[in-house]
Amino acid sequence: MKFYQLKYFQTVCQYNNLTRAAQTLHISQPGLTHVIHELEEEFGLTLFLRQNKGLVLTKEGEQFLNEVNLLLEQTDSFVSRMKFLGQSDQTIRFGLPPASATLVFSPMMEAFHRRHPQIKVSVVEQGSMMNHQKILDGKLDLALLSTDMPMSSAFGYYKIVRTRICLYLAKDHPLSGAESLSLEEIRDIPLVLLSEDSFLTTHTLKTCARYKIMPNIILTTNQIMIIRQFVEKNIAGTFLFHRTIPDDDGYRAVPVREFGEAYIYLVWNQYNPVSTAVKQFVKVAQTVYPFPMVDDYCNDKKDKSPISGN
């Protein structure tokens, strides 16, 4: 006896008609008839009588159906309990950079919690550089990583965003009206940047060094609200992904010509076992972002590889 045979028998009893049951089950009528005969032969029972109005259960068939209903109900309950058991004690250790958190994390987390409220997510707030290493070391299950380079083969990944780094300035700053700026034009502007373990700050420092420019950094912090206040009060500018802080009358984002495109990926260590909870989070992320978000300031708005991953 196999469980599918019992399901087939249950469906025949629902319709008392082999043709309708076969259509519902998407199998041939002869195939369904064969399954019923197999059950009758295995247990030595006559389950149905044929009458003008269709099939009628024998007394043996009625008792058999009661037992089948009870067994399948218990089986469904068992499957549900085991699935819950497999997820209920799971916690996803998630590395979250401040800038990426503002751009993309909330919609993913909202959708994930709605679908899997029993799975906990423990967020570790740190920059992409730390997330990169901790994913490799197995200290994080998932992370958002920002980069302008191809992803390492050590990672499984899913592309979430294609964006640009911009200079945020107060609206009344003399350079805020520019369509774009060069690093040379902004070398003396006081800057408040994210901490040095962030991709944004690391990339900014490397790019400035390449052009022999020493940026005027007066503060580093991972508090986006503090950065926003410094910009709005015209104390300093900052480098962030476009739309990291929402459009506002208090400041303006200006593209910097030396900065190319950057990408934000959801990543995991593909050489370590991946839990059911992590698989479910990735699946939700792919549903929330079926294609990468492409920023207005990217040169080519059509992403030629909408989903990248291993």
Protein backbone atom coordinates (compact mmCIF):
# COMPACT_ATOMS: atom_id res chain seq x y z
CA MET A 1 0.00 0.00 0.00
CA LYS A 2 1.18 3.48 -0.83
CA PHE A 3 -0.23 6.78 0.42
CA TYR A 4 -1.05 7.98 -3.08
CA GLN A 5 -3.31 4.93 -3.53
CA LEU A 6 -5.27 5.97 -0.45
CA LYS A 7 -5.54 9.54 -1.76
CA TYR A 8 -6.86 8.17 -5.06
CA PHE A 9 -9.39 5.99 -3.25
CA GLN A 10 -10.51 8.98 -1.17
CA THR A 11 -11.07 11.04 -4.33
CA VAL A 12 -13.13 8.26 -5.98
CA CYS A 13 -15.32 8.19 -2.87
CA GLN A 14 -15.77 11.95 -3.12
CA TYR A 15 -17.27 11.75 -6.62
CA ASN A 16 -18.56 8.14 -6.74
CA ASN A 17 -17.42 8.31 -10.33
CA LEU A 18 -14.16 7.08 -11.83
CA THR A 19 -14.19 9.49 -14.76
CA ARG A 20 -14.60 12.64 -12.64
CA ALA A 21 -12.09 11.39 -10.07
CA ALA A 22 -9.53 10.65 -12.77
CA GLN A 23 -9.97 14.15 -14.22
CA THR A 24 -9.46 15.71 -10.81
CA LEU A 25 -6.35 13.62 -10.19
CA HIS A 26 -5.03 14.22 -13.72
CA ILE A 27 -4.55 10.52 -14.43
CA SER A 28 -6.22 8.14 -16.88
CA GLN A 29 -9.39 6.31 -15.89
CA PRO A 30 -7.80 2.89 -16.56
CA GLY A 31 -4.89 3.88 -14.34
CA LEU A 32 -7.26 4.85 -11.54
CA THR A 33 -9.23 1.62 -11.94
CA HIS A 34 -5.97 -0.32 -11.64
CA VAL A 35 -5.13 1.45 -8.36
CA ILE A 36 -8.53 0.51 -6.88
CA HIS A 37 -8.08 -3.10 -7.95
CA GLU A 38 -4.62 -3.14 -6.34
CA LEU A 39 -6.10 -2.03 -3.02
CA GLU A 40 -8.89 -4.61 -3.23
CA GLU A 41 -6.40 -7.40 -3.98
CA GLU A 42 -3.95 -6.35 -1.27
CA PHE A 43 -6.57 -6.34 1.48
CA GLY A 44 -8.96 -8.96 0.07
CA LEU A 45 -11.86 -6.51 0.04
CA THR A 46 -14.57 -5.44 -2.39
CA LEU A 47 -14.65 -1.68 -2.03
CA PHE A 48 -17.24 -0.62 -4.64
CA LEU A 49 -20.36 -1.89 -6.35
CA ARG A 50 -21.23 -0.58 -9.78
CA GLN A 51 -24.80 0.76 -10.15
CA ASN A 52 -26.60 2.87 -12.72
CA LYS A 53 -25.95 6.06 -10.77
CA GLY A 54 -22.27 5.30 -10.40
CA LEU A 55 -20.11 3.62 -7.79
CA VAL A 56 -21.47 2.74 -4.36
CA LEU A 57 -19.29 1.81 -1.39
CA THR A 58 -19.79 -1.63 0.08
CA LYS A 59 -19.97 -1.94 3.87
CA GLU A 60 -16.34 -3.04 3.76
CA GLY A 61 -15.62 0.00 1.60
CA GLU A 62 -17.31 2.36 4.07
CA GLN A 63 -15.20 1.03 6.93
CA PHE A 64 -12.09 1.18 4.76
CA LEU A 65 -12.88 4.83 3.91
CA ASN A 66 -13.24 5.74 7.61
CA GLU A 67 -9.83 4.25 8.31
CA VAL A 68 -8.30 5.96 5.28
CA ASN A 69 -9.70 9.36 6.33
CA LEU A 70 -8.29 8.93 9.82
CA LEU A 71 -4.88 7.81 8.56
CA LEU A 72 -4.53 10.62 5.99
CA GLU A 73 -5.65 13.22 8.51
CA GLN A 74 -2.98 11.98 10.92
CA THR A 75 -0.42 11.99 8.11
CA ASP A 76 -1.20 15.60 7.16
CA SER A 77 -0.98 16.61 10.80
CA PHE A 78 2.36 14.82 11.12
CA VAL A 79 3.77 16.59 8.05
CA SER A 80 2.65 20.00 9.36
CA ARG A 81 4.15 19.36 12.79
CA MET A 82 7.45 18.21 11.36
CA LYS A 83 7.68 21.20 9.01
CA PHE A 84 7.01 23.53 11.94
CA LEU A 85 9.55 21.66 14.08
CA GLY A 86 12.12 22.12 11.32
CA GLN A 87 11.65 25.88 11.39
CA SER A 88 10.44 26.87 14.85
CA ASP A 89 13.83 26.85 16.56
CA GLN A 90 15.72 28.38 13.65
CA THR A 91 17.28 31.81 13.82
CA ILE A 92 18.85 33.50 10.80
CA ARG A 93 22.02 35.43 11.63
CA PHE A 94 21.81 38.35 9.20
CA GLY A 95 24.60 40.85 8.48
CA LEU A 96 23.11 44.24 7.63
CA PRO A 97 25.08 47.29 6.45
CA PRO A 98 23.44 50.65 7.35
CA ALA A 99 23.06 51.94 3.79
CA SER A 100 21.68 48.68 2.40
CA ALA A 101 19.29 48.43 5.34
CA THR A 102 17.70 51.71 4.36
CA LEU A 103 17.37 50.77 0.70
CA VAL A 104 16.09 47.20 0.61
CA PHE A 105 15.91 45.31 3.91
CA SER A 106 12.50 46.36 5.27
CA PRO A 107 10.36 45.04 2.35
CA MET A 108 12.16 41.67 2.48
CA MET A 109 11.83 41.38 6.24
CA GLU A 110 8.17 42.38 6.22
CA ALA A 111 7.30 39.77 3.60
CA PHE A 112 9.40 37.10 5.31
CA HIS A 113 7.80 37.66 8.73
CA ARG A 114 4.34 37.56 7.18
CA ARG A 115 5.04 34.17 5.60
CA HIS A 116 7.24 32.64 8.32
CA PRO A 117 6.42 34.30 11.65
CA GLN A 118 7.96 31.40 13.60
CA ILE A 119 11.48 32.01 12.21
CA LYS A 120 13.58 34.59 14.03
CA VAL A 121 16.02 36.95 12.34
CA SER A 122 18.92 38.23 14.42
CA VAL A 123 20.43 41.29 12.74
CA VAL A 124 24.12 42.13 13.12
CA GLU A 125 24.62 45.75 12.04
CA GLN A 126 28.01 46.17 10.42
CA GLY A 127 29.58 47.08 7.10
CA SER A 128 30.02 44.96 4.00
CA MET A 129 33.68 44.25 4.71
CA MET A 130 32.85 42.56 8.03
CA ASN A 131 29.85 40.77 6.52
CA HIS A 132 32.05 39.39 3.75
CA GLN A 133 34.45 37.77 6.21
CA LYS A 134 31.80 36.52 8.65
CA ILE A 135 29.86 34.78 5.88
CA LEU A 136 33.06 32.98 4.88
CA ASP A 137 33.77 32.08 8.54
CA GLY A 138 30.26 30.72 9.03
CA LYS A 139 29.42 33.32 11.68
CA LEU A 140 26.56 34.71 9.58
CA ASP A 141 23.91 32.82 7.60
CA LEU A 142 22.93 35.64 5.25
CA ALA A 143 24.14 39.17 4.60
CA LEU A 144 23.75 42.11 2.29
CA LEU A 145 27.02 42.95 0.54
CA SER A 146 27.79 46.03 -1.53
CA THR A 147 30.47 45.84 -4.21
CA ASP A 148 31.56 47.10 -7.60
CA MET A 149 33.34 43.82 -8.38
CA PRO A 150 32.11 40.35 -9.48
CA MET A 151 31.06 38.14 -6.58
CA SER A 152 33.45 35.48 -5.31
CA SER A 153 32.68 31.86 -6.20
CA ALA A 154 32.60 31.14 -2.44
CA PHE A 155 29.24 32.88 -2.23
CA GLY A 156 25.80 31.95 -3.30
CA TYR A 157 24.18 35.26 -4.18
CA TYR A 158 21.18 37.10 -5.51
CA LYS A 159 21.43 40.58 -6.99
CA ILE A 160 19.07 43.05 -5.30
CA VAL A 161 20.17 46.53 -6.46
CA ARG A 162 22.17 48.20 -9.19
CA THR A 163 22.98 51.74 -8.10
CA ARG A 164 25.40 54.70 -8.01
CA ILE A 165 27.28 56.47 -5.23
CA CYS A 166 26.29 60.13 -4.94
CA LEU A 167 27.42 63.13 -2.95
CA TYR A 168 24.65 64.42 -0.69
CA LEU A 169 24.73 68.17 -0.05
CA ALA A 170 22.41 70.63 1.67
CA LYS A 171 20.05 72.30 -0.76
CA ASP A 172 21.66 75.71 -0.15
CA HIS A 173 25.21 74.46 -0.72
CA PRO A 174 26.78 76.24 -3.73
CA LEU A 175 27.43 72.94 -5.55
CA SER A 176 24.05 71.28 -4.88
CA GLY A 177 22.64 72.43 -8.21
CA ALA A 178 25.29 70.69 -10.31
CA GLU A 179 24.27 67.84 -12.62
CA SER A 180 27.44 65.98 -11.61
CA LEU A 181 30.70 66.72 -9.84
CA SER A 182 34.30 65.49 -9.93
CA LEU A 183 36.36 64.55 -6.89
CA GLU A 184 38.65 67.48 -7.61
CA GLU A 185 35.70 69.90 -7.34
CA ILE A 186 34.65 68.56 -3.95
CA ARG A 187 38.02 67.80 -2.34
CA ASP A 188 37.66 70.52 0.32
CA ILE A 189 34.07 69.78 1.35
CA PRO A 190 33.85 68.46 4.94
CA LEU A 191 32.51 64.89 4.88
CA VAL A 192 30.71 62.65 7.33
CA LEU A 193 31.01 59.04 6.19
CA LEU A 194 29.98 55.59 7.27
CA SER A 195 32.47 53.58 9.34
CA GLU A 196 35.54 52.22 7.58
CA ASP A 197 34.21 48.63 7.42
CA SER A 198 31.57 49.81 4.93
CA PHE A 199 31.99 49.36 1.19
CA LEU A 200 30.96 52.98 0.62
CA THR A 201 33.77 54.43 2.72
CA THR A 202 36.39 51.90 1.60
CA HIS A 203 35.51 52.49 -2.05
CA THR A 204 35.54 56.28 -1.55
CA LEU A 205 39.00 56.20 0.03
CA LYS A 206 40.43 53.93 -2.68
CA THR A 207 38.98 56.07 -5.45
CA CYS A 208 40.27 59.27 -3.88
CA ALA A 209 43.72 57.72 -3.46
CA ARG A 210 43.75 56.72 -7.13
CA TYR A 211 43.23 60.38 -8.05
CA LYS A 212 45.67 61.59 -5.35
CA ILE A 213 42.94 63.38 -3.41
CA MET A 214 42.77 63.49 0.39
CA PRO A 215 39.09 63.70 1.43
CA ASN A 216 38.22 66.05 4.29
CA ILE A 217 36.56 63.54 6.66
CA ILE A 218 35.38 65.09 9.93
CA LEU A 219 33.30 62.18 11.29
CA THR A 220 32.60 58.49 10.68
CA THR A 221 29.43 56.86 12.01
CA ASN A 222 26.98 54.12 11.09
CA GLN A 223 24.05 56.23 12.26
CA ILE A 224 22.27 57.29 9.07
CA MET A 225 20.16 59.78 11.03
CA ILE A 226 23.27 61.61 12.28
CA ILE A 227 24.67 61.71 8.74
CA ARG A 228 21.38 63.09 7.47
CA GLN A 229 21.36 65.83 10.14
CA PHE A 230 24.91 66.90 9.28
CA VAL A 231 23.93 67.19 5.62
CA GLU A 232 20.67 69.05 6.23
CA LYS A 233 22.41 71.58 8.50
CA ASN A 234 25.10 72.10 5.86
CA ILE A 235 27.83 70.99 8.27
CA ALA A 236 29.15 68.36 5.89
CA GLY A 237 28.41 66.33 2.79
CA THR A 238 28.35 62.56 2.54
CA PHE A 239 28.78 59.75 0.03
CA LEU A 240 25.85 57.31 -0.03
CA PHE A 241 24.02 55.18 -2.55
CA HIS A 242 21.37 57.17 -4.36
CA ARG A 243 18.09 57.08 -2.39
CA THR A 244 19.73 55.77 0.77
CA ILE A 245 17.97 58.67 2.40
CA PRO A 246 14.65 59.63 0.83
CA ASP A 247 14.16 62.61 -1.47
CA ASP A 248 13.76 65.75 0.59
CA ASP A 249 13.76 69.51 0.13
CA GLY A 250 16.62 69.77 2.63
CA TYR A 251 19.33 68.18 0.50
CA ARG A 252 20.21 66.94 -2.97
CA ALA A 253 22.09 63.91 -4.29
CA VAL A 254 24.65 64.73 -6.99
CA PRO A 255 26.40 61.97 -9.03
CA VAL A 256 30.21 61.87 -8.77
CA ARG A 257 31.85 61.21 -12.11
CA GLU A 258 34.70 59.02 -10.83
CA PHE A 259 32.31 56.58 -9.21
CA GLY A 260 30.92 53.81 -11.41
CA GLU A 261 28.01 51.53 -10.72
CA ALA A 262 27.77 49.46 -7.56
CA TYR A 263 25.65 46.46 -6.64
CA ILE A 264 23.96 45.15 -3.52
CA TYR A 265 23.68 41.36 -3.20
CA LEU A 266 22.01 39.02 -0.77
CA VAL A 267 24.74 36.42 -0.09
CA TRP A 268 25.37 33.16 1.77
CA ASN A 269 28.23 30.68 1.97
CA GLN A 270 27.49 28.10 -0.69
CA TYR A 271 29.99 25.63 0.74
CA ASN A 272 28.23 25.42 4.11
CA PRO A 273 24.91 23.62 4.73
CA VAL A 274 22.02 25.99 4.05
CA SER A 275 19.13 25.75 6.50
CA THR A 276 15.48 25.65 5.51
CA ALA A 277 15.02 29.08 7.08
CA VAL A 278 17.77 30.60 4.92
CA LYS A 279 16.33 28.99 1.79
CA GLN A 280 12.94 30.46 2.64
CA PHE A 281 14.41 33.94 3.15
CA VAL A 282 16.17 33.80 -0.23
CA LYS A 283 12.93 32.66 -1.85
CA VAL A 284 11.07 35.59 -0.31
CA ALA A 285 13.79 38.02 -1.46
CA GLN A 286 13.42 36.71 -5.02
CA THR A 287 9.68 37.29 -4.78
CA VAL A 288 10.02 40.82 -3.40
CA TYR A 289 12.76 41.71 -5.91
CA PRO A 290 12.17 39.50 -8.97
CA PHE A 291 14.55 41.80 -10.86
CA PRO A 292 17.27 44.07 -9.48
CA MET A 293 16.21 47.58 -8.56
CA VAL A 294 17.97 49.83 -11.08
CA ASP A 295 18.67 53.36 -9.93
CA ASP A 296 17.81 56.40 -12.06
CA TYR A 297 21.46 57.44 -12.14
CA CYS A 298 22.69 54.22 -13.75
CA ASN A 299 23.76 54.74 -17.35
CA ASP A 300 21.89 51.79 -18.85
CA LYS A 301 18.52 51.32 -17.18
CA LYS A 302 18.07 47.84 -18.64
CA ASP A 303 19.93 45.25 -16.58
CA LYS A 304 21.20 42.63 -19.01
CA SER A 305 21.37 39.95 -16.31
CA PRO A 306 18.32 40.59 -14.13
CA ILE A 307 19.02 37.69 -11.81
CA SER A 308 22.62 36.77 -10.97
CA GLY A 309 23.48 33.90 -8.69
CA ASN A 310 25.00 30.54 -8.14
